[in-house]
C-alpha atoms as a PDB file:
ATOM      1  CA  UNK A   1      45.128   6.661 -54.534  1.00  0.00           C
ATOM      2  CA  UNK A   2      46.188   9.963 -52.950  1.00  0.00           C
ATOM      3  CA  UNK A   3      42.983  11.531 -54.244  1.00  0.00           C
ATOM      4  CA  UNK A   4      40.980   8.742 -52.660  1.00  0.00           C
ATOM      5  CA  UNK A   5      42.754   9.168 -49.292  1.00  0.00           C
ATOM      6  CA  UNK A   6      42.407  12.942 -49.491  1.00  0.00           C
ATOM      7  CA  UNK A   7      38.698  12.593 -50.173  1.00  0.00           C
ATOM      8  CA  UNK A   8      38.330  10.230 -47.198  1.00  0.00           C
ATOM      9  CA  UNK A   9      40.204  12.587 -44.869  1.00  0.00           C
ATOM     10  CA  UNK A  10      38.058  15.518 -46.058  1.00  0.00           C
ATOM     11  CA  UNK A  11      34.845  13.574 -45.340  1.00  0.00           C
ATOM     12  CA  UNK A  12      36.183  12.483 -41.966  1.00  0.00           C
ATOM     13  CA  UNK A  13      36.932  16.106 -41.047  1.00  0.00           C
ATOM     14  CA  UNK A  14      33.439  17.164 -42.164  1.00  0.00           C
ATOM     15  CA  UNK A  15      31.903  14.453 -39.969  1.00  0.00           C
ATOM     16  CA  UNK A  16      33.999  15.629 -37.028  1.00  0.00           C
ATOM     17  CA  UNK A  17      32.850  19.199 -37.504  1.00  0.00           C
ATOM     18  CA  UNK A  18      29.203  18.076 -37.680  1.00  0.00           C
ATOM     19  CA  UNK A  19      29.639  15.895 -34.601  1.00  0.00           C
ATOM     20  CA  UNK A  20      31.182  18.762 -32.640  1.00  0.00           C
ATOM     21  CA  UNK A  21      28.441  21.162 -33.786  1.00  0.00           C
ATOM     22  CA  UNK A  22      25.672  18.737 -32.740  1.00  0.00           C
ATOM     23  CA  UNK A  23      27.412  18.096 -29.400  1.00  0.00           C
ATOM     24  CA  UNK A  24      27.654  21.835 -28.693  1.00  0.00           C
ATOM     25  CA  UNK A  25      23.968  22.317 -29.576  1.00  0.00           C
ATOM     26  CA  UNK A  26      22.899  19.431 -27.354  1.00  0.00           C
ATOM     27  CA  UNK A  27      25.037  20.672 -24.479  1.00  0.00           C
ATOM     28  CA  UNK A  28      23.500  24.115 -24.753  1.00  0.00           C
ATOM     29  CA  UNK A  29      20.006  22.615 -24.597  1.00  0.00           C
ATOM     30  CA  UNK A  30      20.737  20.974 -21.263  1.00  0.00           C
ATOM     31  CA  UNK A  31      20.568  24.348 -19.506  1.00  0.00           C
ATOM     32  CA  UNK A  32      17.034  24.944 -20.800  1.00  0.00           C
ATOM     33  CA  UNK A  33      14.564  23.999 -18.076  1.00  0.00           C
ATOM     34  CA  UNK A  34      11.627  21.885 -19.103  1.00  0.00           C
ATOM     35  CA  UNK A  35       8.332  21.955 -17.230  1.00  0.00           C
ATOM     36  CA  UNK A  36       8.656  19.710 -14.212  1.00  0.00           C
ATOM     37  CA  UNK A  37       6.979  16.355 -14.506  1.00  0.00           C
ATOM     38  CA  UNK A  38       5.068  14.967 -11.537  1.00  0.00           C
ATOM     39  CA  UNK A  39       7.062  12.320  -9.766  1.00  0.00           C
ATOM     40  CA  UNK A  40       5.763   8.799  -9.985  1.00  0.00           C
ATOM     41  CA  UNK A  41       4.956   7.107  -6.696  1.00  0.00           C
ATOM     42  CA  UNK A  42       3.715   3.560  -6.264  1.00  0.00           C
ATOM     43  CA  UNK A  43       0.061   3.039  -5.433  1.00  0.00           C
ATOM     44  CA  UNK A  44      -0.422   1.957  -1.824  1.00  0.00           C
ATOM     45  CA  UNK A  45      -3.373  -0.302  -1.250  1.00  0.00           C
ATOM     46  CA  UNK A  46      -5.758   0.217   1.647  1.00  0.00           C
ATOM     47  CA  UNK A  47      -5.319  -2.828   3.876  1.00  0.00           C
ATOM     48  CA  UNK A  48      -8.041  -3.937   6.294  1.00  0.00           C
ATOM     49  CA  UNK A  49      -7.218  -6.868   8.530  1.00  0.00           C
ATOM     50  CA  UNK A  50      -9.217  -8.586  11.198  1.00  0.00           C
ATOM     51  CA  UNK A  51     -12.733  -8.154  12.549  1.00  0.00           C
ATOM     52  CA  UNK A  52     -14.243  -4.676  12.382  1.00  0.00           C
ATOM     53  CA  UNK A  53     -16.495  -4.348  15.405  1.00  0.00           C
ATOM     54  CA  UNK A  54     -19.222  -1.764  15.025  1.00  0.00           C
ATOM     55  CA  UNK A  55     -20.664  -0.055  18.131  1.00  0.00           C
ATOM     56  CA  UNK A  56     -24.013  -1.802  17.628  1.00  0.00           C
ATOM     57  CA  UNK A  57     -22.214  -5.175  17.686  1.00  0.00           C
ATOM     58  CA  UNK A  58     -20.454  -4.254  20.946  1.00  0.00           C
ATOM     59  CA  UNK A  59     -23.764  -3.163  22.489  1.00  0.00           C
ATOM     60  CA  UNK A  60     -25.106  -6.706  22.039  1.00  0.00           C
ATOM     61  CA  UNK A  61     -22.306  -8.193  24.172  1.00  0.00           C
ATOM     62  CA  UNK A  62     -23.387  -8.914  27.743  1.00  0.00           C
ATOM     63  CA  UNK A  63     -21.601 -10.836  30.458  1.00  0.00           C
ATOM     64  CA  UNK A  64     -23.206 -14.255  30.748  1.00  0.00           C
ATOM     65  CA  UNK A  65     -24.075 -14.914  27.096  1.00  0.00           C
ATOM     66  CA  UNK A  66     -22.813 -18.122  25.480  1.00  0.00           C
ATOM     67  CA  UNK A  67     -19.759 -18.399  23.257  1.00  0.00           C
ATOM     68  CA  UNK A  68     -22.035 -19.456  20.379  1.00  0.00           C
ATOM     69  CA  UNK A  69     -24.003 -16.207  20.785  1.00  0.00           C
ATOM     70  CA  UNK A  70     -20.751 -14.201  20.827  1.00  0.00           C
ATOM     71  CA  UNK A  71     -19.631 -15.950  17.647  1.00  0.00           C
ATOM     72  CA  UNK A  72     -22.943 -15.132  15.951  1.00  0.00           C
ATOM     73  CA  UNK A  73     -22.650 -11.454  16.963  1.00  0.00           C
ATOM     74  CA  UNK A  74     -18.961 -10.835  16.231  1.00  0.00           C
ATOM     75  CA  UNK A  75     -17.949 -13.709  13.979  1.00  0.00           C
ATOM     76  CA  UNK A  76     -14.945 -15.954  14.391  1.00  0.00           C
ATOM     77  CA  UNK A  77     -12.166 -14.330  16.430  1.00  0.00           C
ATOM     78  CA  UNK A  78      -8.981 -13.430  14.589  1.00  0.00           C
ATOM     79  CA  UNK A  79      -6.810 -14.976  17.297  1.00  0.00           C
ATOM     80  CA  UNK A  80      -7.689 -18.145  19.189  1.00  0.00           C
ATOM     81  CA  UNK A  81      -4.684 -18.998  21.341  1.00  0.00           C
ATOM     82  CA  UNK A  82      -4.318 -22.772  21.824  1.00  0.00           C
ATOM     83  CA  UNK A  83      -2.698 -22.104  25.215  1.00  0.00           C
ATOM     84  CA  UNK A  84      -5.637 -19.938  26.345  1.00  0.00           C
ATOM     85  CA  UNK A  85      -8.766 -21.474  24.767  1.00  0.00           C
ATOM     86  CA  UNK A  86     -11.051 -19.463  27.064  1.00  0.00           C
ATOM     87  CA  UNK A  87      -9.735 -16.188  25.647  1.00  0.00           C
ATOM     88  CA  UNK A  88     -10.819 -14.797  22.262  1.00  0.00           C
ATOM     89  CA  UNK A  89      -9.091 -11.821  20.665  1.00  0.00           C
ATOM     90  CA  UNK A  90     -10.785  -9.698  18.039  1.00  0.00           C
ATOM     91  CA  UNK A  91      -8.234  -7.419  16.382  1.00  0.00           C
ATOM     92  CA  UNK A  92      -8.796  -4.959  13.527  1.00  0.00           C
ATOM     93  CA  UNK A  93      -6.290  -2.706  11.767  1.00  0.00           C
ATOM     94  CA  UNK A  94      -6.689  -0.330   8.828  1.00  0.00           C
ATOM     95  CA  UNK A  95      -3.727   0.943   6.814  1.00  0.00           C
ATOM     96  CA  UNK A  96      -4.028   3.718   4.248  1.00  0.00           C
ATOM     97  CA  UNK A  97      -1.052   4.935   2.277  1.00  0.00           C
ATOM     98  CA  UNK A  98       1.247   2.588   4.150  1.00  0.00           C
ATOM     99  CA  UNK A  99       0.352   4.101   7.547  1.00  0.00           C
ATOM    100  CA  UNK A 100      -1.862   2.601  10.220  1.00  0.00           C
ATOM    101  CA  UNK A 101      -4.882   4.875  10.687  1.00  0.00           C
ATOM    102  CA  UNK A 102      -7.074   2.705  12.916  1.00  0.00           C
ATOM    103  CA  UNK A 103      -6.597  -0.137  15.383  1.00  0.00           C
ATOM    104  CA  UNK A 104      -9.166  -1.918  17.531  1.00  0.00           C
ATOM    105  CA  UNK A 105      -8.675  -4.722  20.020  1.00  0.00           C
ATOM    106  CA  UNK A 106     -11.369  -6.577  21.931  1.00  0.00           C
ATOM    107  CA  UNK A 107     -10.538  -9.511  24.223  1.00  0.00           C
ATOM    108  CA  UNK A 108     -13.258 -11.755  25.610  1.00  0.00           C
ATOM    109  CA  UNK A 109     -12.847 -14.253  28.446  1.00  0.00           C
ATOM    110  CA  UNK A 110     -15.051 -17.325  28.944  1.00  0.00           C
ATOM    111  CA  UNK A 111     -15.683 -19.794  31.741  1.00  0.00           C
ATOM    112  CA  UNK A 112     -17.920 -22.818  31.248  1.00  0.00           C
ATOM    113  CA  UNK A 113     -18.916 -21.561  27.781  1.00  0.00           C
ATOM    114  CA  UNK A 114     -20.181 -18.231  29.184  1.00  0.00           C
ATOM    115  CA  UNK A 115     -18.733 -14.760  28.706  1.00  0.00           C
ATOM    116  CA  UNK A 116     -17.321 -13.590  32.045  1.00  0.00           C
ATOM    117  CA  UNK A 117     -15.128 -10.602  31.137  1.00  0.00           C
ATOM    118  CA  UNK A 118     -14.745  -8.056  28.343  1.00  0.00           C
ATOM    119  CA  UNK A 119     -11.528  -6.121  27.821  1.00  0.00           C
ATOM    120  CA  UNK A 120     -12.051  -3.526  25.111  1.00  0.00           C
ATOM    121  CA  UNK A 121      -8.448  -2.224  25.107  1.00  0.00           C
ATOM    122  CA  UNK A 122      -8.179   1.050  23.242  1.00  0.00           C
ATOM    123  CA  UNK A 123     -11.676   1.073  21.760  1.00  0.00           C
ATOM    124  CA  UNK A 124     -13.821   4.137  22.482  1.00  0.00           C
ATOM    125  CA  UNK A 125     -16.060   3.815  25.524  1.00  0.00           C
ATOM    126  CA  UNK A 126     -19.719   2.959  25.059  1.00  0.00           C
ATOM    127  CA  UNK A 127     -22.167   5.336  26.680  1.00  0.00           C
ATOM    128  CA  UNK A 128     -24.898   3.809  28.885  1.00  0.00           C
ATOM    129  CA  UNK A 129     -24.937   0.349  27.364  1.00  0.00           C
ATOM    130  CA  UNK A 130     -24.557  -1.621  30.579  1.00  0.00           C
ATOM    131  CA  UNK A 131     -21.468  -3.241  29.109  1.00  0.00           C
ATOM    132  CA  UNK A 132     -19.173  -4.601  31.783  1.00  0.00           C
ATOM    133  CA  UNK A 133     -15.548  -3.983  30.860  1.00  0.00           C
ATOM    134  CA  UNK A 134     -12.302  -4.590  32.654  1.00  0.00           C
ATOM    135  CA  UNK A 135      -9.065  -2.841  31.770  1.00  0.00           C
ATOM    136  CA  UNK A 136      -5.707  -4.347  32.604  1.00  0.00           C
END
C-alpha cells in the first residue's frame, strides 16, 4: 500500500512539474507580439429616404400648374400634413456610413388646386429657369 501511495505521489509531483513548465512557457509567449489583425466593424448600410428631386424635375415646376401635374412630375410627397392640406413637403436624405451626407427639402403651396408658391429650402439655386421661389 505504501508503494502504491508513493507511486501516486510521484506521479502527482511529475504532473505538477509539467503543469508549471507549460504555464511558464505559455506566460513567456504572451510577450511575443503577433501581427495585428484588422479590427472588425459592422457594415453600415447606405440609407436613402424620401423623394430625390433632380434638377430637371425642378425645372418643370412652374407657378400655376395643377396639383395633378406636380404629382406626375415629382411623385407623391413624403409628407402630406392633414392640418395643412394645401402644403406638400418633399424631403430627401442620404446617409452613408451612419452620417448624413445629403439633405433636400422642397415645400409646395397650393390654392384652388394650383401651385402658388415654391419654397426650395436648402436646395441649390436653379440658374435661369424662371422658377419662382420664396424663402422664409
